Amino acid sequence: MKKISLHNQIFLAMIIGLVFGMGLNLFSDPENIFRIHAIWWMDLVGRDIFIGGLKMIIAPLILASIITGITTLPKAEALGQIGGKMALYYVGTTSVAVAIGITLILIIQPGTRDASKEVRAKREAELQEYRTAFQAEKGLDPVVEANRPAYLAYLAEADGASVASSTFNTNFDHMKTTEGVGPGTLIKNQLISPMLTNPFQSLASANTLGIIFFAVLVGLACLVLGEITAPVVNLFVAMNEIIMKITLWIMMLSPIAIACLMGSTMATLGFDALASLAWYSATILLALTIHSVFIVSLVSYLAKVTPGFFIRGIRDAWMVAFSTASSAATLPVTLHCVTTKLDVSDEVADFSLPVGATVNMDGSALHEAVAIMFLIQLYGGVDDVPVVLTIANTLIIAVTAVIASAGVAAIPSAGLVAMAIIANTVGLPLHYIFLVLAMDRILDMCRTATNVMGDAAGAVVVNYWERQRRERSA
């Protein structure tokens, strides 16, 4: 019999995991001992072993691949040309992604639908109780403008304490660190500072920005010094080959691991979360689909690569990204796909993909902008949400989403922290963000797949531009 290809194995595994997980969710009690043990074993194989194995090799892979990519360039000026093209592509596609998301949310208006009106009415009733309690405890009328600061502080304390004591307390702690953080502070604290970290500390903590910056410096130094650095260059070239071989070994587990990941996710979440946020989820999924079509069309137009060839080339990476919800964990697979199936040169792939997996977050930027605008549509104008959607606020959300999606990539709960930064910028209290968390896992899988598609497309486009430049200069 003909051996089943890896991408077909992964696709079949996703279906098996989906069916098994939904069966557990629909036909077994949450306290059922079989369900508890099944989820535990699926998490062990999928998250702890498979994702853990991929994450294990991320730091050395980034270091070795970037140094290898730079040292194979003919001269240092070529790095600047590749880097400039990457920056142009990344900023352009991320901006388009945010524009697509904002356009759809303004057209669909998920925050004004009947289900959303019920959620708003519930919040308004809750706020009425807070107003009564505030007046009884403080002896102040919350409607009087002079008492408004005290009333808002009372609300913030009550809602913040409620969220912080819930199952979301860890995420809330991450988001609280963003208070007072604007785009300027973000660039300073989350882009510049991580890049200037001790390289050994960066490797130990998987600080990707620090690893990338140090790897670029080492690669440039080797390129400038020339022959004397040959032993160092050979070491990293060999390390790069070793890590790619380890990646292939880990990928042998991928069908089983991905079935476990899908099974655990669906057994835990089911479809209830989707039903409660249906219009919001549909808006994001439609926006991600439109942006994916745009990316494929861009590759076809700019790099002369047919959509079918491109999709076939990245499908293994796309499926792993969808299942793991981690661009970084998928990086080894993405590198393998674009170099072996899409004919991208090693020097372009080894430099562009690690950088792209860190700062090129099309799907994440789109999702963050849509989430904040949805919450403003839903709650804008209630007691503690004075902000409403205006042209100015929409532009602020768009610009901050593009910056934040790249700036927080190397920190825990990056998507939530980025949302919190955007919320702070426009004046939306952080505790409102938790409404959209019910769907975050499923949407995270979709936006990560979009992120990885964008990374791969960027490598293909930049590789084509570089090839054209070399042919003109030959």
Protein backbone atom coordinates (compact mmCIF):
# COMPACT_ATOMS: atom_id res chain seq x y z
CA MET A 1 0.00 0.00 0.00
CA LYS A 2 1.08 3.53 -0.70
CA LYS A 3 2.23 5.29 2.44
CA ILE A 4 -0.13 8.05 3.62
CA SER A 5 1.59 11.45 3.37
CA LEU A 6 2.26 13.38 6.57
CA HIS A 7 -0.22 16.17 5.87
CA ASN A 8 -2.98 13.59 5.23
CA GLN A 9 -2.05 11.82 8.46
CA ILE A 10 -2.29 15.14 10.33
CA PHE A 11 -5.62 16.01 8.70
CA LEU A 12 -7.04 12.60 9.58
CA ALA A 13 -5.70 12.96 13.12
CA MET A 14 -7.42 16.35 13.51
CA ILE A 15 -10.76 14.81 12.50
CA ILE A 16 -10.32 11.86 14.88
CA GLY A 17 -9.35 14.19 17.73
CA LEU A 18 -12.28 16.50 16.98
CA VAL A 19 -14.83 13.66 16.97
CA PHE A 20 -13.39 12.00 20.08
CA GLY A 21 -13.16 15.30 21.99
CA MET A 22 -16.73 16.32 21.12
CA GLY A 23 -17.92 12.86 22.14
CA LEU A 24 -16.31 13.29 25.54
CA ASN A 25 -17.80 16.78 25.87
CA LEU A 26 -21.34 15.81 24.88
CA PHE A 27 -21.74 12.34 26.34
CA SER A 28 -19.74 12.32 29.56
CA ASP A 29 -19.98 14.21 32.82
CA PRO A 30 -17.09 16.60 33.69
CA GLU A 31 -16.43 14.48 36.79
CA ASN A 32 -16.39 11.21 34.85
CA ILE A 33 -13.14 9.40 35.68
CA PHE A 34 -12.59 8.19 32.09
CA ARG A 35 -13.01 11.74 30.75
CA ILE A 36 -10.61 13.15 33.34
CA HIS A 37 -7.95 10.52 32.58
CA ALA A 38 -8.44 10.82 28.80
CA ILE A 39 -7.90 14.60 28.90
CA TRP A 40 -4.84 14.11 31.15
CA TRP A 41 -3.23 11.65 28.73
CA MET A 42 -4.09 13.76 25.68
CA ASP A 43 -2.52 16.82 27.34
CA LEU A 44 0.56 14.78 28.22
CA VAL A 45 1.13 13.60 24.63
CA GLY A 46 -0.02 16.76 22.83
CA ARG A 47 1.04 19.67 25.02
CA ASP A 48 3.77 18.33 27.30
CA ILE A 49 5.64 16.00 24.92
CA PHE A 50 4.95 17.31 21.39
CA ILE A 51 4.70 21.07 21.96
CA GLY A 52 7.32 20.79 24.69
CA GLY A 53 9.67 19.05 22.26
CA LEU A 54 9.20 21.75 19.64
CA LYS A 55 9.69 24.52 22.18
CA MET A 56 12.82 22.78 23.45
CA ILE A 57 14.60 23.42 20.16
CA ILE A 58 13.31 26.96 19.46
CA ALA A 59 16.10 28.93 21.16
CA PRO A 60 19.06 27.01 19.63
CA LEU A 61 17.24 26.88 16.29
CA ILE A 62 16.80 30.66 16.12
CA LEU A 63 20.42 31.25 17.11
CA ALA A 64 21.86 28.71 14.67
CA SER A 65 19.56 29.47 11.74
CA ILE A 66 20.04 33.25 11.80
CA ILE A 67 23.82 33.00 12.13
CA THR A 68 23.89 30.41 9.34
CA GLY A 69 21.66 32.53 7.13
CA ILE A 70 23.75 35.68 7.58
CA THR A 71 27.12 34.00 7.13
CA THR A 72 26.01 32.48 3.82
CA LEU A 73 25.30 35.95 2.39
CA PRO A 74 27.93 37.25 -0.04
CA LYS A 75 28.38 40.51 1.93
CA ALA A 76 26.92 42.44 4.85
CA GLU A 77 24.97 44.81 2.59
CA ALA A 78 22.77 41.89 1.50
CA LEU A 79 21.45 41.57 5.06
CA GLY A 80 20.24 45.15 4.98
CA GLN A 81 18.49 44.55 1.66
CA ILE A 82 16.75 41.40 2.95
CA GLY A 83 15.88 43.08 6.24
CA GLY A 84 14.43 46.13 4.50
CA LYS A 85 12.23 44.00 2.26
CA MET A 86 11.07 41.95 5.24
CA ALA A 87 10.13 45.07 7.19
CA LEU A 88 8.19 46.46 4.23
CA TYR A 89 6.30 43.19 3.79
CA TYR A 90 5.58 42.64 7.50
CA VAL A 91 4.33 46.16 8.22
CA GLY A 92 2.27 46.20 5.03
CA THR A 93 0.51 42.86 5.55
CA THR A 94 -0.14 43.47 9.25
CA SER A 95 -1.68 46.85 8.44
CA VAL A 96 -3.89 45.22 5.80
CA ALA A 97 -4.97 42.55 8.31
CA VAL A 98 -6.03 45.18 10.85
CA ALA A 99 -7.84 47.16 8.15
CA ILE A 100 -9.78 44.05 7.09
CA GLY A 101 -10.78 43.30 10.68
CA ILE A 102 -11.89 46.87 11.39
CA THR A 103 -13.85 47.08 8.14
CA LEU A 104 -15.76 43.88 8.90
CA ILE A 105 -16.58 44.75 12.49
CA LEU A 106 -17.96 48.12 11.36
CA ILE A 107 -20.09 46.36 8.73
CA ILE A 108 -21.28 43.37 10.77
CA GLN A 109 -21.61 45.25 14.10
CA PRO A 110 -21.45 42.11 16.33
CA GLY A 111 -21.57 44.26 19.47
CA THR A 112 -25.08 45.52 18.60
CA ARG A 113 -26.74 42.17 17.85
CA ASP A 114 -29.57 40.78 20.00
CA ALA A 115 -27.29 38.45 21.97
CA SER A 116 -24.96 41.36 22.68
CA LYS A 117 -27.87 43.55 23.79
CA GLU A 118 -28.75 40.91 26.38
CA VAL A 119 -25.17 40.95 27.68
CA ARG A 120 -25.20 44.76 27.85
CA ALA A 121 -28.56 44.77 29.68
CA LYS A 122 -27.13 42.35 32.24
CA ARG A 123 -24.13 44.65 32.79
CA GLU A 124 -26.34 47.72 33.12
CA ALA A 125 -28.42 45.93 35.79
CA GLU A 126 -25.18 45.01 37.59
CA LEU A 127 -24.03 48.62 37.45
CA GLN A 128 -27.34 49.75 38.93
CA GLU A 129 -26.63 47.49 41.91
CA TYR A 130 -23.14 48.99 42.19
CA ARG A 131 -24.57 52.52 42.16
CA THR A 132 -26.96 51.62 44.97
CA ALA A 133 -24.20 49.94 47.00
CA PHE A 134 -21.81 52.86 46.43
CA GLN A 135 -24.38 55.39 47.63
CA ALA A 136 -25.17 53.27 50.68
CA GLU A 137 -21.52 52.69 51.64
CA LYS A 138 -20.01 56.09 50.79
CA GLY A 139 -23.03 58.34 51.21
CA LEU A 140 -22.31 59.86 47.80
CA ASP A 141 -24.53 60.13 44.74
CA PRO A 142 -22.67 58.46 41.84
CA VAL A 143 -24.60 60.53 39.30
CA VAL A 144 -23.08 63.79 40.60
CA GLU A 145 -20.03 64.66 38.46
CA ALA A 146 -17.89 65.59 41.48
CA ASN A 147 -18.37 62.07 42.89
CA ARG A 148 -17.59 60.31 39.61
CA PRO A 149 -13.84 59.66 40.26
CA ALA A 150 -14.64 58.01 43.59
CA TYR A 151 -17.42 55.95 41.97
CA LEU A 152 -15.16 54.79 39.10
CA ALA A 153 -12.46 53.82 41.62
CA TYR A 154 -15.10 51.85 43.53
CA LEU A 155 -16.15 50.04 40.32
CA ALA A 156 -12.56 49.29 39.33
CA GLU A 157 -11.82 47.82 42.75
CA ALA A 158 -15.00 45.72 42.79
CA ASP A 159 -14.65 44.38 39.25
CA GLY A 160 -10.88 43.95 39.47
CA ALA A 161 -11.15 42.02 42.73
CA SER A 162 -13.85 39.81 41.21
CA VAL A 163 -11.75 38.97 38.15
CA ALA A 164 -8.50 38.60 40.07
CA SER A 165 -10.13 36.04 42.38
CA SER A 166 -11.48 34.02 39.47
CA THR A 167 -9.84 31.35 37.35
CA PHE A 168 -8.49 34.16 35.13
CA ASN A 169 -6.33 35.67 37.89
CA THR A 170 -2.99 34.80 36.23
CA ASN A 171 -4.03 36.43 32.96
CA PHE A 172 -5.35 39.43 34.87
CA ASP A 173 -1.94 39.84 36.57
CA HIS A 174 -0.27 39.87 33.13
CA MET A 175 -2.70 42.50 31.87
CA LYS A 176 -2.34 44.69 34.97
CA THR A 177 1.34 45.15 34.12
CA THR A 178 0.28 47.15 31.05
CA GLU A 179 -1.40 49.97 32.99
CA GLY A 180 0.03 53.27 31.83
CA VAL A 181 1.80 51.59 28.91
CA GLY A 182 1.46 53.41 25.59
CA PRO A 183 3.08 52.74 22.22
CA GLY A 184 6.26 54.65 23.17
CA THR A 185 6.74 52.80 26.45
CA LEU A 186 5.90 49.56 24.68
CA ILE A 187 8.71 50.06 22.15
CA LYS A 188 11.15 50.90 24.93
CA ASN A 189 10.24 48.15 27.41
CA GLN A 190 9.12 45.31 25.15
CA LEU A 191 11.29 45.78 22.06
CA ILE A 192 14.52 47.57 22.99
CA SER A 193 15.10 46.17 26.50
CA PRO A 194 14.63 42.48 25.55
CA MET A 195 17.06 42.90 22.64
CA LEU A 196 19.81 44.14 24.98
CA THR A 197 19.57 41.23 27.40
CA ASN A 198 22.43 38.89 28.34
CA PRO A 199 22.44 36.34 25.46
CA PHE A 200 22.77 33.37 27.82
CA GLN A 201 19.80 34.64 29.80
CA SER A 202 17.88 35.10 26.54
CA LEU A 203 18.63 31.51 25.50
CA ALA A 204 17.61 30.17 28.91
CA SER A 205 14.34 32.12 28.99
CA ALA A 206 13.56 31.77 25.25
CA ASN A 207 13.62 35.56 24.85
CA THR A 208 13.33 35.48 21.07
CA LEU A 209 14.04 39.17 20.51
CA GLY A 210 17.25 38.92 22.53
CA ILE A 211 18.32 35.76 20.68
CA ILE A 212 17.60 37.32 17.27
CA PHE A 213 19.52 40.51 18.04
CA PHE A 214 22.55 38.63 19.39
CA ALA A 215 22.49 36.19 16.48
CA VAL A 216 22.45 39.07 13.98
CA LEU A 217 25.46 40.66 15.72
CA VAL A 218 27.39 37.37 15.72
CA GLY A 219 26.50 36.68 12.09
CA LEU A 220 27.57 40.17 10.98
CA ALA A 221 30.84 39.91 12.93
CA CYS A 222 31.60 36.56 11.29
CA LEU A 223 30.79 38.02 7.88
CA VAL A 224 33.07 41.01 8.41
CA LEU A 225 35.98 39.09 9.96
CA GLY A 226 36.00 36.46 7.23
CA GLU A 227 38.16 33.35 7.20
CA ILE A 228 39.26 33.51 10.84
CA THR A 229 35.68 32.82 11.96
CA ALA A 230 35.30 29.67 9.81
CA PRO A 231 35.31 27.28 12.84
CA VAL A 232 32.49 29.27 14.47
CA VAL A 233 30.50 29.38 11.25
CA ASN A 234 30.93 25.64 10.71
CA LEU A 235 29.76 25.00 14.28
CA PHE A 236 26.49 26.86 13.75
CA VAL A 237 25.94 25.38 10.29
CA ALA A 238 26.31 21.90 11.80
CA MET A 239 24.05 22.85 14.72
CA ASN A 240 21.41 24.07 12.29
CA GLU A 241 21.47 20.74 10.44
CA ILE A 242 21.31 18.81 13.72
CA ILE A 243 18.26 20.75 14.94
CA MET A 244 16.45 20.27 11.64
CA LYS A 245 17.05 16.51 11.95
CA ILE A 246 15.64 16.57 15.49
CA THR A 247 12.64 18.46 14.10
CA LEU A 248 11.95 15.62 11.66
CA TRP A 249 12.13 13.13 14.53
CA ILE A 250 9.65 15.15 16.59
CA MET A 251 7.33 15.46 13.58
CA MET A 252 7.04 11.68 13.47
CA LEU A 253 4.86 12.04 16.57
CA SER A 254 2.75 14.83 15.06
CA PRO A 255 -0.33 12.85 13.90
CA ILE A 256 -0.86 11.25 17.32
CA ALA A 257 0.00 14.48 19.15
CA ILE A 258 -2.32 16.60 17.03
CA ALA A 259 -5.20 14.16 17.53
CA CYS A 260 -4.58 14.53 21.27
CA LEU A 261 -4.45 18.33 21.07
CA MET A 262 -7.72 18.53 19.16
CA GLY A 263 -9.37 15.98 21.44
CA SER A 264 -8.35 17.81 24.61
CA THR A 265 -9.43 21.20 23.25
CA MET A 266 -12.88 20.06 22.14
CA ALA A 267 -13.47 17.94 25.25
CA THR A 268 -12.74 20.98 27.41
CA LEU A 269 -14.53 23.70 25.42
CA GLY A 270 -17.23 22.11 23.27
CA PHE A 271 -19.46 24.44 21.25
CA ASP A 272 -21.12 26.35 24.10
CA ALA A 273 -18.52 29.10 23.99
CA LEU A 274 -19.02 29.52 20.25
CA ALA A 275 -22.78 29.89 20.66
CA SER A 276 -22.45 32.66 23.27
CA LEU A 277 -20.12 34.76 21.09
CA ALA A 278 -21.29 33.66 17.66
CA TRP A 279 -21.32 37.01 15.83
CA TYR A 280 -18.00 38.10 17.33
CA SER A 281 -16.38 34.78 16.43
CA ALA A 282 -17.87 34.82 12.93
CA THR A 283 -16.50 38.33 12.33
CA ILE A 284 -12.97 37.29 13.27
CA LEU A 285 -13.08 34.02 11.33
CA LEU A 286 -14.38 35.79 8.22
CA ALA A 287 -11.68 38.47 8.55
CA LEU A 288 -8.96 35.82 8.94
CA THR A 289 -10.29 33.99 5.88
CA ILE A 290 -10.28 37.16 3.77
CA HIS A 291 -6.76 38.00 4.92
CA SER A 292 -5.56 34.47 4.11
CA VAL A 293 -6.96 34.85 0.58
CA PHE A 294 -5.16 38.20 0.35
CA ILE A 295 -1.87 36.60 1.45
CA VAL A 296 -2.15 33.79 -1.09
CA SER A 297 -3.03 36.30 -3.82
CA LEU A 298 -0.07 38.46 -2.79
CA VAL A 299 2.30 35.51 -3.12
CA SER A 300 0.85 34.72 -6.53
CA TYR A 301 1.20 38.33 -7.72
CA LEU A 302 4.54 39.30 -6.15
CA ALA A 303 6.40 35.97 -6.24
CA LYS A 304 4.74 34.28 -9.24
CA VAL A 305 3.87 31.22 -7.12
CA THR A 306 0.54 29.59 -7.85
CA PRO A 307 -1.92 29.38 -4.90
CA GLY A 308 -2.10 25.58 -5.12
CA PHE A 309 1.68 25.16 -5.01
CA PHE A 310 2.00 27.57 -2.07
CA ILE A 311 -0.78 25.96 -0.02
CA ARG A 312 0.58 22.46 -0.65
CA GLY A 313 4.00 23.65 0.43
CA ILE A 314 2.90 25.05 3.79
CA ARG A 315 0.05 22.71 4.75
CA ASP A 316 2.13 20.67 7.23
CA ALA A 317 3.20 23.87 9.02
CA TRP A 318 -0.33 25.30 8.80
CA MET A 319 -1.86 22.21 10.43
CA VAL A 320 0.76 22.14 13.18
CA ALA A 321 0.21 25.86 13.80
CA PHE A 322 -3.56 25.37 13.99
CA SER A 323 -3.22 22.48 16.43
CA THR A 324 -0.52 23.94 18.69
CA ALA A 325 -1.65 27.62 18.56
CA SER A 326 2.02 28.62 18.71
CA SER A 327 3.97 30.31 15.90
CA ALA A 328 7.21 29.74 17.79
CA ALA A 329 6.57 26.03 18.32
CA THR A 330 5.74 25.69 14.62
CA LEU A 331 8.93 27.48 13.51
CA PRO A 332 11.02 24.31 12.93
CA VAL A 333 8.24 22.87 10.76
CA THR A 334 7.80 26.15 8.85
CA LEU A 335 11.53 26.29 8.10
CA HIS A 336 11.47 22.74 6.79
CA CYS A 337 8.41 23.39 4.60
CA VAL A 338 9.58 26.60 2.90
CA THR A 339 13.10 25.34 2.16
CA THR A 340 12.21 21.84 0.96
CA LYS A 341 8.81 22.42 -0.66
CA LEU A 342 8.75 26.10 -1.70
CA ASP A 343 12.36 26.42 -2.89
CA VAL A 344 13.21 29.32 -0.55
CA SER A 345 16.97 29.74 -0.12
CA ASP A 346 18.46 28.91 3.28
CA GLU A 347 19.85 32.40 3.81
CA VAL A 348 16.43 34.02 3.35
CA ALA A 349 14.48 31.37 5.30
CA ASP A 350 16.99 31.15 8.16
CA PHE A 351 16.82 34.90 8.72
CA SER A 352 13.25 35.86 7.81
CA LEU A 353 11.25 33.07 9.48
CA PRO A 354 12.65 33.38 13.04
CA VAL A 355 12.09 37.14 12.85
CA GLY A 356 8.64 36.64 11.34
CA ALA A 357 7.61 34.15 14.03
CA THR A 358 8.48 36.82 16.60
CA VAL A 359 7.19 40.09 15.16
CA ASN A 360 4.97 39.29 12.16
CA MET A 361 1.56 38.68 13.75
CA ASP A 362 -1.10 39.44 11.11
CA GLY A 363 -3.78 37.25 12.66
CA SER A 364 -3.04 38.42 16.19
CA ALA A 365 -3.15 42.12 15.27
CA LEU A 366 -6.46 41.60 13.44
CA HIS A 367 -7.95 39.70 16.38
CA GLU A 368 -6.83 42.24 18.99
CA ALA A 369 -8.28 45.19 17.07
CA VAL A 370 -11.60 43.42 16.45
CA ALA A 371 -11.88 42.28 20.09
CA ILE A 372 -11.43 45.80 21.50
CA MET A 373 -13.84 47.34 18.96
CA PHE A 374 -16.40 44.63 19.72
CA LEU A 375 -16.20 45.40 23.44
CA ILE A 376 -16.59 49.13 22.78
CA GLN A 377 -19.60 48.45 20.56
CA LEU A 378 -21.04 46.28 23.32
CA TYR A 379 -20.29 48.38 26.41
CA GLY A 380 -19.52 51.87 25.10
CA GLY A 381 -21.35 54.52 27.16
CA VAL A 382 -21.99 52.51 30.35
CA ASP A 383 -20.82 53.99 33.66
CA ASP A 384 -17.16 52.94 33.46
CA VAL A 385 -16.75 52.84 29.66
CA PRO A 386 -16.87 56.47 28.51
CA VAL A 387 -15.23 55.60 25.19
CA VAL A 388 -17.28 55.17 22.02
CA LEU A 389 -16.19 54.34 18.49
CA THR A 390 -15.14 57.44 16.61
CA ILE A 391 -12.83 57.85 13.62
CA ALA A 392 -10.05 59.00 15.95
CA ASN A 393 -10.48 56.04 18.34
CA THR A 394 -10.62 53.61 15.42
CA LEU A 395 -7.32 54.96 14.06
CA ILE A 396 -5.74 54.75 17.51
CA ILE A 397 -6.86 51.12 17.84
CA ALA A 398 -5.50 50.28 14.38
CA VAL A 399 -2.05 51.83 14.93
CA THR A 400 -1.69 50.45 18.46
CA ALA A 401 -2.72 46.95 17.30
CA VAL A 402 0.02 46.91 14.65
CA ILE A 403 2.67 48.04 17.17
CA ALA A 404 1.46 45.91 20.08
CA SER A 405 1.23 42.70 18.03
CA ALA A 406 4.97 42.88 17.38
CA GLY A 407 6.04 44.42 20.68
CA VAL A 408 4.62 41.84 23.08
CA ALA A 409 5.45 38.71 21.09
CA ALA A 410 8.20 37.56 23.46
CA ILE A 411 6.24 37.84 26.74
CA PRO A 412 3.72 35.47 28.41
CA SER A 413 0.03 35.72 27.42
CA ALA A 414 1.12 37.94 24.52
CA GLY A 415 -2.32 38.24 22.90
CA LEU A 416 -4.00 39.27 26.16
CA VAL A 417 -1.25 41.73 26.99
CA ALA A 418 -1.54 43.30 23.53
CA MET A 419 -5.31 43.62 24.00
CA ALA A 420 -4.75 45.21 27.39
CA ILE A 421 -2.37 47.78 25.91
CA ILE A 422 -4.93 48.74 23.25
CA ALA A 423 -7.69 48.87 25.90
CA ASN A 424 -5.55 51.17 28.07
CA THR A 425 -4.87 53.43 25.11
CA VAL A 426 -8.58 54.07 24.44
CA GLY A 427 -9.82 53.91 28.05
CA LEU A 428 -11.55 50.50 28.18
CA PRO A 429 -11.30 48.88 31.67
CA LEU A 430 -9.30 45.66 31.58
CA HIS A 431 -11.87 43.43 33.25
CA TYR A 432 -14.16 43.71 30.20
CA ILE A 433 -11.62 41.77 28.13
CA PHE A 434 -12.54 38.56 29.93
CA LEU A 435 -15.86 38.38 28.11
CA VAL A 436 -14.04 37.30 24.93
CA LEU A 437 -11.82 34.73 26.64
CA ALA A 438 -14.39 31.95 26.29
CA MET A 439 -13.52 31.72 22.59
CA ASP A 440 -9.85 32.59 22.88
CA ARG A 441 -8.46 29.08 22.51
CA ILE A 442 -10.31 28.28 19.28
CA LEU A 443 -9.68 31.72 17.78
CA ASP A 444 -6.03 31.49 18.85
CA MET A 445 -5.65 28.34 16.76
CA CYS A 446 -7.07 30.15 13.72
CA ARG A 447 -5.05 33.35 14.11
CA THR A 448 -1.83 31.37 14.70
CA ALA A 449 -2.40 29.49 11.45
CA THR A 450 -2.83 32.87 9.74
CA ASN A 451 0.37 34.15 11.38
CA VAL A 452 2.37 31.17 10.11
CA MET A 453 0.90 31.50 6.62
CA GLY A 454 2.01 35.15 6.63
CA ASP A 455 5.54 34.20 7.76
CA ALA A 456 5.88 31.60 5.02
CA ALA A 457 4.48 33.98 2.40
CA GLY A 458 6.94 36.66 3.49
CA ALA A 459 9.86 34.27 3.04
CA VAL A 460 8.63 33.30 -0.44
CA VAL A 461 8.13 36.92 -1.54
CA VAL A 462 11.46 38.16 -0.15
CA ASN A 463 13.24 35.17 -1.68
CA TYR A 464 11.74 36.04 -5.10
CA TRP A 465 12.75 39.70 -4.76
CA GLU A 466 16.30 38.67 -3.81
CA ARG A 467 16.54 36.28 -6.74
CA GLN A 468 15.39 39.02 -9.11
CA ARG A 469 17.94 41.46 -7.65
CA ARG A 470 20.78 38.99 -8.10
CA GLU A 471 19.78 38.25 -11.68
CA ARG A 472 19.74 42.01 -12.50
CA SER A 473 23.17 42.55 -10.91
CA ALA A 474 24.72 39.46 -12.55
